[in-house]
Amino acid sequence: MSSPSDTADEPRDVWLSTSRPNGASHLVPIWFVLEDGVVWIATGFESVKVRNIAHDSRVQLGFPRHGSIEEDAVIEGNAVVVRTAPEGVLTRFESKYNWRPGPEPDPDVGALAFICVTPHRAVMGTLPNNNRTS
């Protein structure tokens, strides 16, 4: 896995798709970091994303890579919502975005939660751990 200093190679945002209880998709761009093959997203604890994951933990992630479709990736995974993140994840957010999430509430979204996505299938492109799909 990469170190915090090389987050410049990662896209700025990931596109996160969750499913609403009625089956409709909810798609948003959001900041993320990668740590040990897991995608970490910091968001508001009361957000639509968190509520949707409580209903259905299956998510899809879209990683745009420098505007090149050959390097884009679409990943399927399972998400878990947690209230705290490991120190390495917090350090990566700070390095990548000059922002350290929590533990105090965020002025924009209030109490924070972390969405941890474990990828299990690449629809196209490269998994976050750099394994190529077939």
N, C-alpha and C. Protein backbone atom coordinates (compact mmCIF):
# COMPACT_ATOMS: atom_id res chain seq x y z
N MET A 1 0.84 -1.17 0.00
CA MET A 1 0.00 0.00 0.00
C MET A 1 0.88 1.23 0.00
N SER A 2 0.37 2.29 -0.55
CA SER A 2 1.13 3.52 -0.67
C SER A 2 1.22 4.25 0.66
N SER A 3 2.16 5.15 0.74
CA SER A 3 2.33 5.94 1.95
C SER A 3 1.58 7.25 1.80
N PRO A 4 1.34 7.98 2.91
CA PRO A 4 0.59 9.24 2.81
C PRO A 4 1.20 10.23 1.85
N SER A 5 2.50 10.21 1.65
CA SER A 5 3.14 11.19 0.78
C SER A 5 2.82 10.99 -0.69
N ASP A 6 2.32 9.81 -1.09
CA ASP A 6 2.07 9.60 -2.51
C ASP A 6 0.58 9.59 -2.84
N THR A 7 -0.23 10.26 -2.05
CA THR A 7 -1.65 10.36 -2.35
C THR A 7 -1.91 11.21 -3.59
N ALA A 8 -0.91 11.92 -4.09
CA ALA A 8 -1.09 12.72 -5.31
C ALA A 8 -1.43 11.84 -6.50
N ASP A 9 -1.07 10.55 -6.45
CA ASP A 9 -1.40 9.63 -7.53
C ASP A 9 -2.85 9.17 -7.48
N GLU A 10 -3.53 9.39 -6.37
CA GLU A 10 -4.93 9.01 -6.23
C GLU A 10 -5.82 10.12 -6.80
N PRO A 11 -6.97 9.75 -7.35
CA PRO A 11 -7.94 10.79 -7.73
C PRO A 11 -8.35 11.60 -6.50
N ARG A 12 -8.76 12.83 -6.72
CA ARG A 12 -9.20 13.68 -5.61
C ARG A 12 -10.47 13.12 -4.97
N ASP A 13 -11.40 12.71 -5.79
CA ASP A 13 -12.70 12.21 -5.31
C ASP A 13 -12.94 10.80 -5.81
N VAL A 14 -13.79 10.10 -5.09
CA VAL A 14 -14.34 8.85 -5.56
C VAL A 14 -15.84 9.10 -5.73
N TRP A 15 -16.45 8.47 -6.72
CA TRP A 15 -17.90 8.52 -6.87
C TRP A 15 -18.46 7.33 -6.11
N LEU A 16 -19.28 7.60 -5.09
CA LEU A 16 -19.88 6.57 -4.26
C LEU A 16 -21.34 6.42 -4.62
N SER A 17 -21.74 5.19 -4.94
CA SER A 17 -23.13 4.88 -5.23
C SER A 17 -23.67 3.95 -4.16
N THR A 18 -24.76 4.38 -3.51
CA THR A 18 -25.47 3.56 -2.54
C THR A 18 -26.90 3.38 -3.03
N SER A 19 -27.63 2.48 -2.40
CA SER A 19 -29.02 2.24 -2.78
C SER A 19 -29.96 2.71 -1.69
N ARG A 20 -30.94 3.51 -2.09
CA ARG A 20 -31.97 3.95 -1.15
C ARG A 20 -32.89 2.76 -0.84
N PRO A 21 -33.62 2.81 0.27
CA PRO A 21 -34.55 1.71 0.60
C PRO A 21 -35.55 1.39 -0.51
N ASN A 22 -35.91 2.40 -1.35
CA ASN A 22 -36.85 2.15 -2.44
C ASN A 22 -36.16 1.61 -3.69
N GLY A 23 -34.83 1.38 -3.61
CA GLY A 23 -34.08 0.84 -4.74
C GLY A 23 -33.42 1.87 -5.63
N ALA A 24 -33.77 3.14 -5.47
CA ALA A 24 -33.16 4.20 -6.28
C ALA A 24 -31.70 4.40 -5.87
N SER A 25 -30.88 4.75 -6.84
CA SER A 25 -29.46 5.00 -6.58
C SER A 25 -29.25 6.38 -5.98
N HIS A 26 -28.22 6.49 -5.17
CA HIS A 26 -27.75 7.77 -4.64
C HIS A 26 -26.27 7.83 -4.98
N LEU A 27 -25.88 8.75 -5.88
CA LEU A 27 -24.52 8.84 -6.40
C LEU A 27 -23.93 10.19 -6.05
N VAL A 28 -22.76 10.18 -5.39
CA VAL A 28 -22.13 11.44 -4.99
C VAL A 28 -20.61 11.33 -5.12
N PRO A 29 -19.96 12.46 -5.49
CA PRO A 29 -18.50 12.50 -5.41
C PRO A 29 -18.12 12.85 -3.97
N ILE A 30 -17.06 12.23 -3.46
CA ILE A 30 -16.69 12.48 -2.07
C ILE A 30 -15.20 12.19 -1.88
N TRP A 31 -14.60 12.87 -0.92
CA TRP A 31 -13.19 12.64 -0.60
C TRP A 31 -13.01 11.24 -0.03
N PHE A 32 -11.83 10.67 -0.25
CA PHE A 32 -11.53 9.33 0.23
C PHE A 32 -10.03 9.17 0.39
N VAL A 33 -9.65 8.16 1.13
CA VAL A 33 -8.25 7.71 1.17
C VAL A 33 -8.24 6.19 1.12
N LEU A 34 -7.10 5.65 0.72
CA LEU A 34 -6.89 4.20 0.69
C LEU A 34 -5.93 3.82 1.80
N GLU A 35 -6.25 2.76 2.51
CA GLU A 35 -5.37 2.27 3.57
C GLU A 35 -5.50 0.75 3.63
N ASP A 36 -4.42 0.05 3.34
CA ASP A 36 -4.39 -1.41 3.39
C ASP A 36 -5.50 -2.06 2.57
N GLY A 37 -5.73 -1.54 1.37
CA GLY A 37 -6.72 -2.12 0.47
C GLY A 37 -8.16 -1.77 0.77
N VAL A 38 -8.38 -0.92 1.77
CA VAL A 38 -9.72 -0.48 2.15
C VAL A 38 -9.89 0.97 1.76
N VAL A 39 -11.06 1.32 1.22
CA VAL A 39 -11.40 2.70 0.89
C VAL A 39 -12.09 3.31 2.10
N TRP A 40 -11.57 4.43 2.59
CA TRP A 40 -12.15 5.14 3.74
C TRP A 40 -12.74 6.45 3.28
N ILE A 41 -13.97 6.72 3.70
CA ILE A 41 -14.69 7.95 3.37
C ILE A 41 -15.18 8.55 4.68
N ALA A 42 -14.94 9.85 4.87
CA ALA A 42 -15.46 10.55 6.05
C ALA A 42 -16.69 11.34 5.61
N THR A 43 -17.76 11.24 6.38
CA THR A 43 -19.00 11.91 6.02
C THR A 43 -19.82 12.17 7.28
N GLY A 44 -20.92 12.88 7.14
CA GLY A 44 -21.79 13.13 8.28
C GLY A 44 -22.50 11.86 8.72
N PHE A 45 -22.58 11.67 10.03
CA PHE A 45 -23.24 10.48 10.58
C PHE A 45 -24.71 10.41 10.19
N GLU A 46 -25.33 11.56 9.96
CA GLU A 46 -26.75 11.61 9.59
C GLU A 46 -26.97 11.69 8.08
N SER A 47 -25.93 11.46 7.29
CA SER A 47 -26.03 11.63 5.84
C SER A 47 -26.88 10.54 5.18
N VAL A 48 -27.33 10.84 3.98
CA VAL A 48 -28.08 9.87 3.17
C VAL A 48 -27.22 8.63 2.92
N LYS A 49 -25.93 8.83 2.67
CA LYS A 49 -25.03 7.70 2.42
C LYS A 49 -25.04 6.72 3.58
N VAL A 50 -24.91 7.24 4.79
CA VAL A 50 -24.87 6.39 5.99
C VAL A 50 -26.20 5.67 6.18
N ARG A 51 -27.31 6.38 6.00
CA ARG A 51 -28.63 5.74 6.14
C ARG A 51 -28.82 4.65 5.10
N ASN A 52 -28.37 4.90 3.86
CA ASN A 52 -28.51 3.89 2.81
C ASN A 52 -27.68 2.65 3.12
N ILE A 53 -26.47 2.83 3.61
CA ILE A 53 -25.60 1.69 3.92
C ILE A 53 -26.18 0.88 5.08
N ALA A 54 -26.86 1.53 6.02
CA ALA A 54 -27.52 0.79 7.10
C ALA A 54 -28.58 -0.15 6.54
N HIS A 55 -29.18 0.24 5.42
CA HIS A 55 -30.21 -0.57 4.77
C HIS A 55 -29.61 -1.65 3.86
N ASP A 56 -28.52 -1.29 3.14
CA ASP A 56 -27.90 -2.20 2.16
C ASP A 56 -26.42 -1.86 2.08
N SER A 57 -25.57 -2.75 2.52
CA SER A 57 -24.14 -2.47 2.62
C SER A 57 -23.40 -2.57 1.28
N ARG A 58 -24.08 -3.00 0.23
CA ARG A 58 -23.42 -3.10 -1.07
C ARG A 58 -23.30 -1.71 -1.70
N VAL A 59 -22.08 -1.39 -2.15
CA VAL A 59 -21.84 -0.09 -2.77
C VAL A 59 -21.01 -0.27 -4.04
N GLN A 60 -20.99 0.76 -4.86
CA GLN A 60 -20.13 0.83 -6.03
C GLN A 60 -19.31 2.11 -5.91
N LEU A 61 -18.06 2.01 -6.37
CA LEU A 61 -17.14 3.15 -6.33
C LEU A 61 -16.61 3.40 -7.73
N GLY A 62 -16.59 4.66 -8.15
CA GLY A 62 -16.00 5.05 -9.42
C GLY A 62 -14.78 5.91 -9.17
N PHE A 63 -13.64 5.48 -9.71
CA PHE A 63 -12.38 6.21 -9.54
C PHE A 63 -11.96 6.82 -10.87
N PRO A 64 -12.17 8.14 -11.05
CA PRO A 64 -11.67 8.78 -12.27
C PRO A 64 -10.16 9.00 -12.14
N ARG A 65 -9.42 8.69 -13.19
CA ARG A 65 -7.96 8.82 -13.14
C ARG A 65 -7.47 9.81 -14.20
N HIS A 66 -7.17 11.00 -13.81
CA HIS A 66 -6.55 12.00 -14.67
C HIS A 66 -7.26 12.16 -16.02
N GLY A 67 -8.57 11.99 -16.06
CA GLY A 67 -9.31 12.18 -17.29
C GLY A 67 -9.09 11.13 -18.35
N SER A 68 -8.46 10.03 -18.02
CA SER A 68 -8.17 8.98 -18.98
C SER A 68 -9.07 7.78 -18.71
N ILE A 69 -9.97 7.46 -19.62
CA ILE A 69 -10.89 6.34 -19.41
C ILE A 69 -10.13 5.02 -19.29
N GLU A 70 -8.95 4.91 -19.90
CA GLU A 70 -8.17 3.68 -19.79
C GLU A 70 -7.71 3.43 -18.36
N GLU A 71 -7.63 4.46 -17.54
CA GLU A 71 -7.16 4.32 -16.17
C GLU A 71 -8.30 4.40 -15.15
N ASP A 72 -9.52 4.67 -15.59
CA ASP A 72 -10.66 4.72 -14.67
C ASP A 72 -10.91 3.35 -14.07
N ALA A 73 -11.60 3.32 -12.94
CA ALA A 73 -11.96 2.05 -12.32
C ALA A 73 -13.36 2.14 -11.75
N VAL A 74 -14.08 1.04 -11.82
CA VAL A 74 -15.39 0.89 -11.17
C VAL A 74 -15.29 -0.36 -10.31
N ILE A 75 -15.53 -0.18 -9.03
CA ILE A 75 -15.32 -1.23 -8.04
C ILE A 75 -16.62 -1.49 -7.28
N GLU A 76 -16.91 -2.75 -7.00
CA GLU A 76 -18.02 -3.11 -6.13
C GLU A 76 -17.43 -3.55 -4.79
N GLY A 77 -18.15 -3.24 -3.71
CA GLY A 77 -17.66 -3.65 -2.40
C GLY A 77 -18.74 -3.63 -1.36
N ASN A 78 -18.36 -3.99 -0.15
CA ASN A 78 -19.25 -3.95 1.00
C ASN A 78 -18.78 -2.87 1.95
N ALA A 79 -19.73 -2.10 2.44
CA ALA A 79 -19.41 -0.96 3.30
C ALA A 79 -19.85 -1.22 4.74
N VAL A 80 -19.06 -0.69 5.65
CA VAL A 80 -19.37 -0.71 7.07
C VAL A 80 -19.20 0.72 7.56
N VAL A 81 -20.09 1.17 8.42
CA VAL A 81 -19.99 2.52 8.98
C VAL A 81 -19.45 2.41 10.40
N VAL A 82 -18.41 3.19 10.68
CA VAL A 82 -17.80 3.22 12.01
C VAL A 82 -17.69 4.67 12.46
N ARG A 83 -17.56 4.88 13.76
CA ARG A 83 -17.48 6.24 14.30
C ARG A 83 -16.05 6.77 14.39
N THR A 84 -15.05 5.89 14.40
CA THR A 84 -13.66 6.34 14.48
C THR A 84 -12.84 5.62 13.42
N ALA A 85 -11.71 6.24 13.09
CA ALA A 85 -10.80 5.66 12.10
C ALA A 85 -9.42 5.51 12.71
N PRO A 86 -8.64 4.57 12.21
CA PRO A 86 -7.26 4.42 12.69
C PRO A 86 -6.44 5.68 12.42
N GLU A 87 -5.41 5.86 13.21
CA GLU A 87 -4.53 7.03 13.07
C GLU A 87 -3.98 7.15 11.65
N GLY A 88 -3.60 6.03 11.03
CA GLY A 88 -3.07 6.09 9.66
C GLY A 88 -4.06 6.68 8.67
N VAL A 89 -5.33 6.39 8.84
CA VAL A 89 -6.37 6.93 7.96
C VAL A 89 -6.49 8.44 8.17
N LEU A 90 -6.51 8.87 9.41
CA LEU A 90 -6.61 10.31 9.71
C LEU A 90 -5.41 11.07 9.14
N THR A 91 -4.23 10.48 9.25
CA THR A 91 -3.02 11.09 8.71
C THR A 91 -3.10 11.20 7.20
N ARG A 92 -3.64 10.18 6.55
CA ARG A 92 -3.78 10.21 5.09
C ARG A 92 -4.76 11.31 4.64
N PHE A 93 -5.88 11.46 5.36
CA PHE A 93 -6.81 12.56 5.05
C PHE A 93 -6.10 13.91 5.18
N GLU A 94 -5.34 14.06 6.24
CA GLU A 94 -4.64 15.32 6.48
C GLU A 94 -3.61 15.59 5.38
N SER A 95 -2.88 14.56 4.97
CA SER A 95 -1.87 14.71 3.93
C SER A 95 -2.51 15.03 2.58
N LYS A 96 -3.59 14.36 2.26
CA LYS A 96 -4.21 14.50 0.94
C LYS A 96 -5.03 15.77 0.81
N TYR A 97 -5.76 16.14 1.87
CA TYR A 97 -6.73 17.24 1.77
C TYR A 97 -6.43 18.42 2.70
N ASN A 98 -5.36 18.32 3.49
CA ASN A 98 -5.08 19.34 4.49
C ASN A 98 -6.28 19.49 5.43
N TRP A 99 -6.87 18.36 5.79
CA TRP A 99 -8.05 18.31 6.66
C TRP A 99 -7.98 17.03 7.48
N ARG A 100 -8.12 17.17 8.78
CA ARG A 100 -8.08 16.01 9.67
C ARG A 100 -9.47 15.81 10.25
N PRO A 101 -10.16 14.73 9.87
CA PRO A 101 -11.53 14.51 10.35
C PRO A 101 -11.59 14.18 11.84
N GLY A 102 -12.51 14.87 12.53
CA GLY A 102 -12.84 14.58 13.93
C GLY A 102 -11.70 14.79 14.90
N PRO A 103 -11.94 14.47 16.16
CA PRO A 103 -13.16 13.84 16.69
C PRO A 103 -14.31 14.82 16.92
N GLU A 104 -14.01 16.13 16.87
CA GLU A 104 -15.08 17.11 17.06
C GLU A 104 -15.98 17.14 15.82
N PRO A 105 -17.23 17.57 15.99
CA PRO A 105 -18.14 17.65 14.83
C PRO A 105 -17.59 18.58 13.75
N ASP A 106 -17.85 18.23 12.51
CA ASP A 106 -17.46 19.05 11.37
C ASP A 106 -18.44 20.21 11.24
N PRO A 107 -17.96 21.43 10.95
CA PRO A 107 -18.88 22.56 10.84
C PRO A 107 -19.92 22.43 9.73
N ASP A 108 -19.63 21.63 8.70
CA ASP A 108 -20.56 21.48 7.58
C ASP A 108 -21.55 20.33 7.76
N VAL A 109 -21.11 19.22 8.37
CA VAL A 109 -21.98 18.03 8.41
C VAL A 109 -22.25 17.52 9.82
N GLY A 110 -21.70 18.16 10.84
CA GLY A 110 -21.94 17.72 12.21
C GLY A 110 -21.09 16.52 12.58
N ALA A 111 -21.66 15.63 13.39
CA ALA A 111 -20.94 14.44 13.85
C ALA A 111 -20.50 13.62 12.65
N LEU A 112 -19.25 13.16 12.71
CA LEU A 112 -18.68 12.41 11.59
C LEU A 112 -18.82 10.90 11.78
N ALA A 113 -18.86 10.23 10.65
CA ALA A 113 -18.77 8.78 10.58
C ALA A 113 -17.80 8.46 9.46
N PHE A 114 -17.28 7.25 9.49
CA PHE A 114 -16.39 6.80 8.44
C PHE A 114 -17.03 5.59 7.76
N ILE A 115 -17.04 5.65 6.45
CA ILE A 115 -17.51 4.52 5.64
C ILE A 115 -16.27 3.77 5.19
N CYS A 116 -16.18 2.50 5.55
CA CYS A 116 -15.05 1.64 5.16
C CYS A 116 -15.57 0.69 4.11
N VAL A 117 -15.00 0.74 2.93
CA VAL A 117 -15.42 -0.13 1.84
C VAL A 117 -14.32 -1.13 1.54
N THR A 118 -14.66 -2.40 1.66
CA THR A 118 -13.76 -3.47 1.27
C THR A 118 -14.14 -3.90 -0.14
N PRO A 119 -13.27 -3.62 -1.11
CA PRO A 119 -13.57 -4.01 -2.49
C PRO A 119 -13.60 -5.52 -2.64
N HIS A 120 -14.54 -6.02 -3.45
CA HIS A 120 -14.56 -7.45 -3.72
C HIS A 120 -14.61 -7.77 -5.20
N ARG A 121 -14.88 -6.79 -6.04
CA ARG A 121 -14.93 -7.05 -7.49
C ARG A 121 -14.68 -5.76 -8.25
N ALA A 122 -13.81 -5.85 -9.24
CA ALA A 122 -13.59 -4.72 -10.14
C ALA A 122 -14.42 -4.95 -11.40
N VAL A 123 -15.33 -4.05 -11.69
CA VAL A 123 -16.12 -4.12 -12.92
C VAL A 123 -15.23 -3.73 -14.09
N MET A 124 -14.36 -2.75 -13.87
CA MET A 124 -13.35 -2.34 -14.85
C MET A 124 -12.21 -1.67 -14.11
N GLY A 125 -11.03 -1.72 -14.66
CA GLY A 125 -9.90 -0.99 -14.10
C GLY A 125 -9.16 -1.76 -13.03
N THR A 126 -8.53 -0.99 -12.14
CA THR A 126 -7.64 -1.52 -11.13
C THR A 126 -8.24 -1.37 -9.74
N LEU A 127 -8.21 -2.44 -8.98
CA LEU A 127 -8.61 -2.36 -7.57
C LEU A 127 -7.67 -1.45 -6.81
N PRO A 128 -8.11 -0.86 -5.70
CA PRO A 128 -7.24 0.02 -4.94
C PRO A 128 -5.92 -0.61 -4.53
N ASN A 129 -5.84 -1.93 -4.39
CA ASN A 129 -4.57 -2.56 -4.02
C ASN A 129 -3.71 -2.88 -5.23
N ASN A 130 -4.08 -2.29 -6.38
CA ASN A 130 -3.31 -2.39 -7.63
C ASN A 130 -3.37 -3.76 -8.29
N ASN A 131 -4.32 -4.61 -7.93
CA ASN A 131 -4.53 -5.86 -8.64
C ASN A 131 -5.36 -5.56 -9.89
N ARG A 132 -4.88 -5.99 -11.04
CA ARG A 132 -5.63 -5.77 -12.29
C ARG A 132 -6.77 -6.76 -12.39
N THR A 133 -7.86 -6.31 -13.00
CA THR A 133 -8.97 -7.22 -13.27
C THR A 133 -8.70 -7.93 -14.58
N SER A 134 -9.45 -8.98 -14.82
CA SER A 134 -9.26 -9.69 -16.09
C SER A 134 -10.18 -9.13 -17.14
